[in-house]
């Protein structure tokens, strides 16, 4: 998988997001979202349990909620789902 493929998945989620949810984000918040999701997906192989990709999803959702509590909950869920998909594509 190319280095930009994970970000492309996350950017697709942001672009498909409801306009009101997307427009409420600053550029710095968008970067924080991308960085958080990228980091969680990268750690997925080291997460405990039989389903590390699912653990990555829950971890991403929790970290996004803690760092950006004002972000729309459905957007956080979609982003977390993208993290899970990224982890699954890596063969987890």
PDB file of N, CA and C in Angstrom:
ATOM      1  N   UNK A   1       0.851  -1.176   0.000  1.00  0.00           N
ATOM      2  CA  UNK A   1       0.000   0.000   0.000  1.00  0.00           C
ATOM      3  C   UNK A   1       0.894   1.234   0.000  1.00  0.00           C
ATOM      4  N   UNK A   2       0.548   2.214  -0.802  1.00  0.00           N
ATOM      5  CA  UNK A   2       1.358   3.423  -0.854  1.00  0.00           C
ATOM      6  C   UNK A   2       1.208   4.215   0.435  1.00  0.00           C
ATOM      7  N   UNK A   3       2.152   5.105   0.637  1.00  0.00           N
ATOM      8  CA  UNK A   3       2.157   5.917   1.853  1.00  0.00           C
ATOM      9  C   UNK A   3       0.956   6.862   1.906  1.00  0.00           C
ATOM     10  N   UNK A   4       0.460   7.296   0.749  1.00  0.00           N
ATOM     11  CA  UNK A   4      -0.653   8.250   0.730  1.00  0.00           C
ATOM     12  C   UNK A   4      -2.026   7.585   0.751  1.00  0.00           C
ATOM     13  N   UNK A   5      -2.096   6.287   0.528  1.00  0.00           N
ATOM     14  CA  UNK A   5      -3.390   5.606   0.497  1.00  0.00           C
ATOM     15  C   UNK A   5      -4.184   5.771   1.790  1.00  0.00           C
ATOM     16  N   UNK A   6      -3.570   5.620   2.964  1.00  0.00           N
ATOM     17  CA  UNK A   6      -4.357   5.823   4.193  1.00  0.00           C
ATOM     18  C   UNK A   6      -4.937   7.224   4.286  1.00  0.00           C
ATOM     19  N   UNK A   7      -4.144   8.232   3.942  1.00  0.00           N
ATOM     20  CA  UNK A   7      -4.656   9.591   3.994  1.00  0.00           C
ATOM     21  C   UNK A   7      -5.780   9.793   2.995  1.00  0.00           C
ATOM     22  N   UNK A   8      -5.677   9.171   1.846  1.00  0.00           N
ATOM     23  CA  UNK A   8      -6.727   9.308   0.837  1.00  0.00           C
ATOM     24  C   UNK A   8      -8.057   8.794   1.376  1.00  0.00           C
ATOM     25  N   UNK A   9      -8.026   7.690   2.098  1.00  0.00           N
ATOM     26  CA  UNK A   9      -9.245   7.143   2.698  1.00  0.00           C
ATOM     27  C   UNK A   9      -9.852   8.138   3.695  1.00  0.00           C
ATOM     28  N   UNK A  10      -9.011   8.728   4.515  1.00  0.00           N
ATOM     29  CA  UNK A  10      -9.490   9.706   5.499  1.00  0.00           C
ATOM     30  C   UNK A  10     -10.013  10.966   4.818  1.00  0.00           C
ATOM     31  N   UNK A  11      -9.315  11.419   3.788  1.00  0.00           N
ATOM     32  CA  UNK A  11      -9.763  12.611   3.068  1.00  0.00           C
ATOM     33  C   UNK A  11     -11.104  12.371   2.386  1.00  0.00           C
ATOM     34  N   UNK A  12     -11.320  11.158   1.880  1.00  0.00           N
ATOM     35  CA  UNK A  12     -12.619  10.830   1.281  1.00  0.00           C
ATOM     36  C   UNK A  12     -13.736  10.979   2.311  1.00  0.00           C
ATOM     37  N   UNK A  13     -13.472  10.513   3.529  1.00  0.00           N
ATOM     38  CA  UNK A  13     -14.482  10.631   4.591  1.00  0.00           C
ATOM     39  C   UNK A  13     -14.755  12.103   4.877  1.00  0.00           C
ATOM     40  N   UNK A  14     -13.706  12.904   4.979  1.00  0.00           N
ATOM     41  CA  UNK A  14     -13.901  14.328   5.255  1.00  0.00           C
ATOM     42  C   UNK A  14     -14.658  15.016   4.121  1.00  0.00           C
ATOM     43  N   UNK A  15     -14.340  14.657   2.883  1.00  0.00           N
ATOM     44  CA  UNK A  15     -15.011  15.284   1.746  1.00  0.00           C
ATOM     45  C   UNK A  15     -16.479  14.880   1.637  1.00  0.00           C
ATOM     46  N   UNK A  16     -16.803  13.646   2.037  1.00  0.00           N
ATOM     47  CA  UNK A  16     -18.188  13.175   1.984  1.00  0.00           C
ATOM     48  C   UNK A  16     -19.006  13.651   3.174  1.00  0.00           C
ATOM     49  N   UNK A  17     -18.345  14.190   4.178  1.00  0.00           N
ATOM     50  CA  UNK A  17     -19.040  14.606   5.403  1.00  0.00           C
ATOM     51  C   UNK A  17     -20.054  15.702   5.095  1.00  0.00           C
ATOM     52  N   UNK A  18     -21.067  15.744   5.930  1.00  0.00           N
ATOM     53  CA  UNK A  18     -22.043  16.831   5.801  1.00  0.00           C
ATOM     54  C   UNK A  18     -21.307  18.164   5.827  1.00  0.00           C
ATOM     55  N   UNK A  19     -21.762  19.073   5.013  1.00  0.00           N
ATOM     56  CA  UNK A  19     -21.103  20.367   4.896  1.00  0.00           C
ATOM     57  C   UNK A  19     -20.993  21.067   6.243  1.00  0.00           C
ATOM     58  N   UNK A  20     -22.038  20.994   7.059  1.00  0.00           N
ATOM     59  CA  UNK A  20     -22.013  21.666   8.357  1.00  0.00           C
ATOM     60  C   UNK A  20     -20.943  21.079   9.268  1.00  0.00           C
ATOM     61  N   UNK A  21     -20.750  19.768   9.210  1.00  0.00           N
ATOM     62  CA  UNK A  21     -19.720  19.131  10.038  1.00  0.00           C
ATOM     63  C   UNK A  21     -18.335  19.475   9.534  1.00  0.00           C
ATOM     64  N   UNK A  22     -18.169  19.459   8.226  1.00  0.00           N
ATOM     65  CA  UNK A  22     -16.865  19.716   7.621  1.00  0.00           C
ATOM     66  C   UNK A  22     -16.460  21.175   7.776  1.00  0.00           C
ATOM     67  N   UNK A  23     -17.400  22.094   7.570  1.00  0.00           N
ATOM     68  CA  UNK A  23     -17.084  23.514   7.618  1.00  0.00           C
ATOM     69  C   UNK A  23     -16.761  23.999   9.024  1.00  0.00           C
ATOM     70  N   UNK A  24     -17.161  23.242  10.023  1.00  0.00           N
ATOM     71  CA  UNK A  24     -16.875  23.624  11.402  1.00  0.00           C
ATOM     72  C   UNK A  24     -15.424  23.355  11.790  1.00  0.00           C
ATOM     73  N   UNK A  25     -14.673  22.662  10.928  1.00  0.00           N
ATOM     74  CA  UNK A  25     -13.294  22.296  11.241  1.00  0.00           C
ATOM     75  C   UNK A  25     -12.309  23.331  10.718  1.00  0.00           C
ATOM     76  N   UNK A  26     -11.333  23.664  11.553  1.00  0.00           N
ATOM     77  CA  UNK A  26     -10.250  24.536  11.105  1.00  0.00           C
ATOM     78  C   UNK A  26      -9.203  23.676  10.391  1.00  0.00           C
ATOM     79  N   UNK A  27      -8.309  24.298   9.628  1.00  0.00           N
ATOM     80  CA  UNK A  27      -7.236  23.517   9.010  1.00  0.00           C
ATOM     81  C   UNK A  27      -6.389  22.767  10.040  1.00  0.00           C
ATOM     82  N   UNK A  28      -6.144  23.386  11.183  1.00  0.00           N
ATOM     83  CA  UNK A  28      -5.365  22.716  12.231  1.00  0.00           C
ATOM     84  C   UNK A  28      -6.103  21.491  12.771  1.00  0.00           C
ATOM     85  N   UNK A  29      -7.415  21.594  12.905  1.00  0.00           N
ATOM     86  CA  UNK A  29      -8.200  20.448  13.367  1.00  0.00           C
ATOM     87  C   UNK A  29      -8.211  19.329  12.334  1.00  0.00           C
ATOM     88  N   UNK A  30      -8.287  19.692  11.067  1.00  0.00           N
ATOM     89  CA  UNK A  30      -8.221  18.671  10.009  1.00  0.00           C
ATOM     90  C   UNK A  30      -6.884  17.941  10.065  1.00  0.00           C
ATOM     91  N   UNK A  31      -5.819  18.691  10.269  1.00  0.00           N
ATOM     92  CA  UNK A  31      -4.497  18.068  10.369  1.00  0.00           C
ATOM     93  C   UNK A  31      -4.415  17.163  11.600  1.00  0.00           C
ATOM     94  N   UNK A  32      -4.985  17.597  12.719  1.00  0.00           N
ATOM     95  CA  UNK A  32      -5.005  16.771  13.924  1.00  0.00           C
ATOM     96  C   UNK A  32      -5.785  15.482  13.683  1.00  0.00           C
ATOM     97  N   UNK A  33      -6.892  15.580  12.989  1.00  0.00           N
ATOM     98  CA  UNK A  33      -7.683  14.388  12.657  1.00  0.00           C
ATOM     99  C   UNK A  33      -6.848  13.422  11.836  1.00  0.00           C
ATOM    100  N   UNK A  34      -6.224  13.936  10.774  1.00  0.00           N
ATOM    101  CA  UNK A  34      -5.412  13.077   9.909  1.00  0.00           C
ATOM    102  C   UNK A  34      -4.258  12.438  10.676  1.00  0.00           C
ATOM    103  N   UNK A  35      -3.593  13.241  11.477  1.00  0.00           N
ATOM    104  CA  UNK A  35      -2.448  12.738  12.249  1.00  0.00           C
ATOM    105  C   UNK A  35      -2.880  11.676  13.256  1.00  0.00           C
ATOM    106  N   UNK A  36      -3.961  11.929  13.959  1.00  0.00           N
ATOM    107  CA  UNK A  36      -4.456  10.970  14.949  1.00  0.00           C
ATOM    108  C   UNK A  36      -4.838   9.652  14.283  1.00  0.00           C
ATOM    109  N   UNK A  37      -5.596   9.745  13.208  1.00  0.00           N
ATOM    110  CA  UNK A  37      -6.046   8.532  12.515  1.00  0.00           C
ATOM    111  C   UNK A  37      -4.866   7.767  11.920  1.00  0.00           C
ATOM    112  N   UNK A  38      -3.930   8.491  11.330  1.00  0.00           N
ATOM    113  CA  UNK A  38      -2.730   7.869  10.763  1.00  0.00           C
ATOM    114  C   UNK A  38      -1.948   7.129  11.839  1.00  0.00           C
ATOM    115  N   UNK A  39      -1.768   7.776  12.982  1.00  0.00           N
ATOM    116  CA  UNK A  39      -1.001   7.174  14.076  1.00  0.00           C
ATOM    117  C   UNK A  39      -1.685   5.929  14.632  1.00  0.00           C
ATOM    118  N   UNK A  40      -2.988   5.999  14.820  1.00  0.00           N
ATOM    119  CA  UNK A  40      -3.724   4.841  15.357  1.00  0.00           C
ATOM    120  C   UNK A  40      -3.656   3.675  14.370  1.00  0.00           C
ATOM    121  N   UNK A  41      -3.837   3.958  13.089  1.00  0.00           N
ATOM    122  CA  UNK A  41      -3.762   2.895  12.080  1.00  0.00           C
ATOM    123  C   UNK A  41      -2.372   2.262  12.070  1.00  0.00           C
ATOM    124  N   UNK A  42      -1.341   3.078  12.263  1.00  0.00           N
ATOM    125  CA  UNK A  42       0.029   2.553  12.270  1.00  0.00           C
ATOM    126  C   UNK A  42       0.281   1.654  13.478  1.00  0.00           C
ATOM    127  N   UNK A  43      -0.371   1.939  14.601  1.00  0.00           N
ATOM    128  CA  UNK A  43      -0.177   1.114  15.806  1.00  0.00           C
ATOM    129  C   UNK A  43      -1.030  -0.134  15.829  1.00  0.00           C
ATOM    130  N   UNK A  44      -1.963  -0.261  14.913  1.00  0.00           N
ATOM    131  CA  UNK A  44      -2.912  -1.375  14.930  1.00  0.00           C
ATOM    132  C   UNK A  44      -2.247  -2.738  15.098  1.00  0.00           C
ATOM    133  N   UNK A  45      -1.135  -3.024  14.409  1.00  0.00           N
ATOM    134  CA  UNK A  45      -0.533  -4.356  14.577  1.00  0.00           C
ATOM    135  C   UNK A  45      -0.085  -4.657  16.008  1.00  0.00           C
ATOM    136  N   UNK A  46       0.165  -3.608  16.792  1.00  0.00           N
ATOM    137  CA  UNK A  46       0.643  -3.795  18.161  1.00  0.00           C
ATOM    138  C   UNK A  46      -0.475  -3.787  19.198  1.00  0.00           C
ATOM    139  N   UNK A  47      -1.711  -3.587  18.764  1.00  0.00           N
ATOM    140  CA  UNK A  47      -2.821  -3.543  19.711  1.00  0.00           C
ATOM    141  C   UNK A  47      -3.204  -4.960  20.132  1.00  0.00           C
ATOM    142  N   UNK A  48      -3.638  -5.101  21.379  1.00  0.00           N
ATOM    143  CA  UNK A  48      -3.986  -6.439  21.874  1.00  0.00           C
ATOM    144  C   UNK A  48      -5.329  -6.918  21.339  1.00  0.00           C
ATOM    145  N   UNK A  49      -5.530  -8.204  21.479  1.00  0.00           N
ATOM    146  CA  UNK A  49      -6.818  -8.788  21.115  1.00  0.00           C
ATOM    147  C   UNK A  49      -6.772  -9.520  19.798  1.00  0.00           C
ATOM    148  N   UNK A  50      -7.863 -10.195  19.531  1.00  0.00           N
ATOM    149  CA  UNK A  50      -7.950 -10.993  18.313  1.00  0.00           C
ATOM    150  C   UNK A  50      -8.312 -10.151  17.094  1.00  0.00           C
ATOM    151  N   UNK A  51      -8.824  -8.961  17.305  1.00  0.00           N
ATOM    152  CA  UNK A  51      -9.222  -8.087  16.203  1.00  0.00           C
ATOM    153  C   UNK A  51      -8.566  -6.714  16.355  1.00  0.00           C
ATOM    154  N   UNK A  52      -7.279  -6.621  16.031  1.00  0.00           N
ATOM    155  CA  UNK A  52      -6.601  -5.333  16.206  1.00  0.00           C
ATOM    156  C   UNK A  52      -7.195  -4.214  15.352  1.00  0.00           C
ATOM    157  N   UNK A  53      -7.782  -4.559  14.209  1.00  0.00           N
ATOM    158  CA  UNK A  53      -8.378  -3.504  13.386  1.00  0.00           C
ATOM    159  C   UNK A  53      -9.605  -2.895  14.088  1.00  0.00           C
ATOM    160  N   UNK A  54     -10.366  -3.722  14.783  1.00  0.00           N
ATOM    161  CA  UNK A  54     -11.505  -3.219  15.547  1.00  0.00           C
ATOM    162  C   UNK A  54     -11.031  -2.399  16.748  1.00  0.00           C
ATOM    163  N   UNK A  55      -9.956  -2.849  17.379  1.00  0.00           N
ATOM    164  CA  UNK A  55      -9.372  -2.075  18.482  1.00  0.00           C
ATOM    165  C   UNK A  55      -8.889  -0.716  17.974  1.00  0.00           C
ATOM    166  N   UNK A  56      -8.332  -0.685  16.756  1.00  0.00           N
ATOM    167  CA  UNK A  56      -7.883   0.582  16.167  1.00  0.00           C
ATOM    168  C   UNK A  56      -9.080   1.507  15.945  1.00  0.00           C
ATOM    169  N   UNK A  57     -10.181   0.939  15.491  1.00  0.00           N
ATOM    170  CA  UNK A  57     -11.394   1.744  15.278  1.00  0.00           C
ATOM    171  C   UNK A  57     -11.841   2.399  16.584  1.00  0.00           C
ATOM    172  N   UNK A  58     -11.946   1.589  17.634  1.00  0.00           N
ATOM    173  CA  UNK A  58     -12.394   2.127  18.925  1.00  0.00           C
ATOM    174  C   UNK A  58     -11.401   3.128  19.487  1.00  0.00           C
ATOM    175  N   UNK A  59     -10.117   2.841  19.319  1.00  0.00           N
ATOM    176  CA  UNK A  59      -9.084   3.763  19.794  1.00  0.00           C
ATOM    177  C   UNK A  59      -9.145   5.098  19.071  1.00  0.00           C
ATOM    178  N   UNK A  60      -9.331   5.058  17.756  1.00  0.00           N
ATOM    179  CA  UNK A  60      -9.422   6.299  16.982  1.00  0.00           C
ATOM    180  C   UNK A  60     -10.640   7.111  17.402  1.00  0.00           C
ATOM    181  N   UNK A  61     -11.767   6.425  17.571  1.00  0.00           N
ATOM    182  CA  UNK A  61     -12.987   7.140  17.964  1.00  0.00           C
ATOM    183  C   UNK A  61     -12.810   7.804  19.332  1.00  0.00           C
ATOM    184  N   UNK A  62     -12.202   7.090  20.255  1.00  0.00           N
ATOM    185  CA  UNK A  62     -11.975   7.650  21.592  1.00  0.00           C
ATOM    186  C   UNK A  62     -11.021   8.838  21.548  1.00  0.00           C
ATOM    187  N   UNK A  63      -9.907   8.701  20.840  1.00  0.00           N
ATOM    188  CA  UNK A  63      -8.938   9.797  20.770  1.00  0.00           C
ATOM    189  C   UNK A  63      -9.520  11.020  20.074  1.00  0.00           C
ATOM    190  N   UNK A  64     -10.306  10.802  19.033  1.00  0.00           N
ATOM    191  CA  UNK A  64     -10.938  11.937  18.359  1.00  0.00           C
ATOM    192  C   UNK A  64     -11.952  12.619  19.272  1.00  0.00           C
ATOM    193  N   UNK A  65     -12.687  11.823  20.028  1.00  0.00           N
ATOM    194  CA  UNK A  65     -13.672  12.408  20.953  1.00  0.00           C
ATOM    195  C   UNK A  65     -12.983  13.217  22.047  1.00  0.00           C
ATOM    196  N   UNK A  66     -11.871  12.703  22.547  1.00  0.00           N
ATOM    197  CA  UNK A  66     -11.162  13.414  23.610  1.00  0.00           C
ATOM    198  C   UNK A  66     -10.462  14.676  23.106  1.00  0.00           C
ATOM    199  N   UNK A  67      -9.888  14.605  21.917  1.00  0.00           N
ATOM    200  CA  UNK A  67      -9.125  15.751  21.421  1.00  0.00           C
ATOM    201  C   UNK A  67      -9.997  16.782  20.696  1.00  0.00           C
ATOM    202  N   UNK A  68     -11.115  16.342  20.129  1.00  0.00           N
ATOM    203  CA  UNK A  68     -11.996  17.244  19.385  1.00  0.00           C
ATOM    204  C   UNK A  68     -13.461  16.944  19.724  1.00  0.00           C
ATOM    205  N   UNK A  69     -13.861  17.212  20.970  1.00  0.00           N
ATOM    206  CA  UNK A  69     -15.214  16.828  21.394  1.00  0.00           C
ATOM    207  C   UNK A  69     -16.330  17.535  20.630  1.00  0.00           C
ATOM    208  N   UNK A  70     -16.045  18.667  20.010  1.00  0.00           N
ATOM    209  CA  UNK A  70     -17.081  19.401  19.282  1.00  0.00           C
ATOM    210  C   UNK A  70     -17.332  18.850  17.873  1.00  0.00           C
ATOM    211  N   UNK A  71     -16.468  17.939  17.415  1.00  0.00           N
ATOM    212  CA  UNK A  71     -16.654  17.363  16.081  1.00  0.00           C
ATOM    213  C   UNK A  71     -17.873  16.453  16.094  1.00  0.00           C
ATOM    214  N   UNK A  72     -18.660  16.551  15.043  1.00  0.00           N
ATOM    215  CA  UNK A  72     -19.879  15.768  14.898  1.00  0.00           C
ATOM    216  C   UNK A  72     -19.606  14.284  15.166  1.00  0.00           C
ATOM    217  N   UNK A  73     -20.430  13.675  16.003  1.00  0.00           N
ATOM    218  CA  UNK A  73     -20.246  12.271  16.378  1.00  0.00           C
ATOM    219  C   UNK A  73     -20.278  11.327  15.200  1.00  0.00           C
ATOM    220  N   UNK A  74     -21.148  11.586  14.229  1.00  0.00           N
ATOM    221  CA  UNK A  74     -21.207  10.695  13.070  1.00  0.00           C
ATOM    222  C   UNK A  74     -19.946  10.814  12.218  1.00  0.00           C
ATOM    223  N   UNK A  75     -19.344  11.995  12.177  1.00  0.00           N
ATOM    224  CA  UNK A  75     -18.084  12.167  11.449  1.00  0.00           C
ATOM    225  C   UNK A  75     -16.967  11.398  12.151  1.00  0.00           C
ATOM    226  N   UNK A  76     -16.937  11.479  13.489  1.00  0.00           N
ATOM    227  CA  UNK A  76     -15.928  10.705  14.238  1.00  0.00           C
ATOM    228  C   UNK A  76     -16.094   9.216  13.973  1.00  0.00           C
ATOM    229  N   UNK A  77     -17.334   8.739  13.940  1.00  0.00           N
ATOM    230  CA  UNK A  77     -17.588   7.315  13.679  1.00  0.00           C
ATOM    231  C   UNK A  77     -17.114   6.919  12.285  1.00  0.00           C
ATOM    232  N   UNK A  78     -17.375   7.768  11.301  1.00  0.00           N
ATOM    233  CA  UNK A  78     -16.933   7.466   9.934  1.00  0.00           C
ATOM    234  C   UNK A  78     -15.411   7.453   9.835  1.00  0.00           C
ATOM    235  N   UNK A  79     -14.775   8.397  10.494  1.00  0.00           N
ATOM    236  CA  UNK A  79     -13.309   8.438  10.487  1.00  0.00           C
ATOM    237  C   UNK A  79     -12.740   7.195  11.173  1.00  0.00           C
ATOM    238  N   UNK A  80     -13.336   6.807  12.281  1.00  0.00           N
ATOM    239  CA  UNK A  80     -12.888   5.601  12.982  1.00  0.00           C
ATOM    240  C   UNK A  80     -13.083   4.376  12.103  1.00  0.00           C
ATOM    241  N   UNK A  81     -14.174   4.342  11.358  1.00  0.00           N
ATOM    242  CA  UNK A  81     -14.401   3.243  10.426  1.00  0.00           C
ATOM    243  C   UNK A  81     -13.339   3.201   9.343  1.00  0.00           C
ATOM    244  N   UNK A  82     -12.890   4.376   8.897  1.00  0.00           N
ATOM    245  CA  UNK A  82     -11.818   4.437   7.899  1.00  0.00           C
ATOM    246  C   UNK A  82     -10.518   3.897   8.481  1.00  0.00           C
ATOM    247  N   UNK A  83     -10.264   4.173   9.761  1.00  0.00           N
ATOM    248  CA  UNK A  83      -9.070   3.636  10.426  1.00  0.00           C
ATOM    249  C   UNK A  83      -9.146   2.108  10.463  1.00  0.00           C
ATOM    250  N   UNK A  84     -10.311   1.580  10.790  1.00  0.00           N
ATOM    251  CA  UNK A  84     -10.485   0.127  10.809  1.00  0.00           C
ATOM    252  C   UNK A  84     -10.228  -0.463   9.420  1.00  0.00           C
ATOM    253  N   UNK A  85     -10.768   0.176   8.403  1.00  0.00           N
ATOM    254  CA  UNK A  85     -10.564  -0.285   7.028  1.00  0.00           C
ATOM    255  C   UNK A  85      -9.089  -0.249   6.657  1.00  0.00           C
ATOM    256  N   UNK A  86      -8.409   0.814   7.041  1.00  0.00           N
ATOM    257  CA  UNK A  86      -6.976   0.924   6.756  1.00  0.00           C
ATOM    258  C   UNK A  86      -6.212  -0.215   7.421  1.00  0.00           C
ATOM    259  N   UNK A  87      -6.558  -0.526   8.668  1.00  0.00           N
ATOM    260  CA  UNK A  87      -5.893  -1.614   9.384  1.00  0.00           C
ATOM    261  C   UNK A  87      -6.181  -2.951   8.714  1.00  0.00           C
ATOM    262  N   UNK A  88      -7.417  -3.148   8.278  1.00  0.00           N
ATOM    263  CA  UNK A  88      -7.777  -4.402   7.605  1.00  0.00           C
ATOM    264  C   UNK A  88      -7.010  -4.561   6.292  1.00  0.00           C
ATOM    265  N   UNK A  89      -6.849  -3.481   5.588  1.00  0.00           N
ATOM    266  CA  UNK A  89      -6.098  -3.530   4.320  1.00  0.00           C
ATOM    267  C   UNK A  89      -4.636  -3.878   4.533  1.00  0.00           C
ATOM    268  N   UNK A  90      -4.168  -3.598   5.711  1.00  0.00           N
ATOM    269  CA  UNK A  90      -2.783  -3.959   6.027  1.00  0.00           C
ATOM    270  C   UNK A  90      -2.673  -5.415   6.431  1.00  0.00           C
ATOM    271  N   UNK A  91      -3.776  -6.125   6.379  1.00  0.00           N
ATOM    272  CA  UNK A  91      -3.749  -7.562   6.643  1.00  0.00           C
ATOM    273  C   UNK A  91      -3.994  -7.962   8.070  1.00  0.00           C
ATOM    274  N   UNK A  92      -4.616  -7.097   8.846  1.00  0.00           N
ATOM    275  CA  UNK A  92      -4.889  -7.428  10.257  1.00  0.00           C
ATOM    276  C   UNK A  92      -6.223  -8.107  10.375  1.00  0.00           C
TER     277      UNK A  92
END
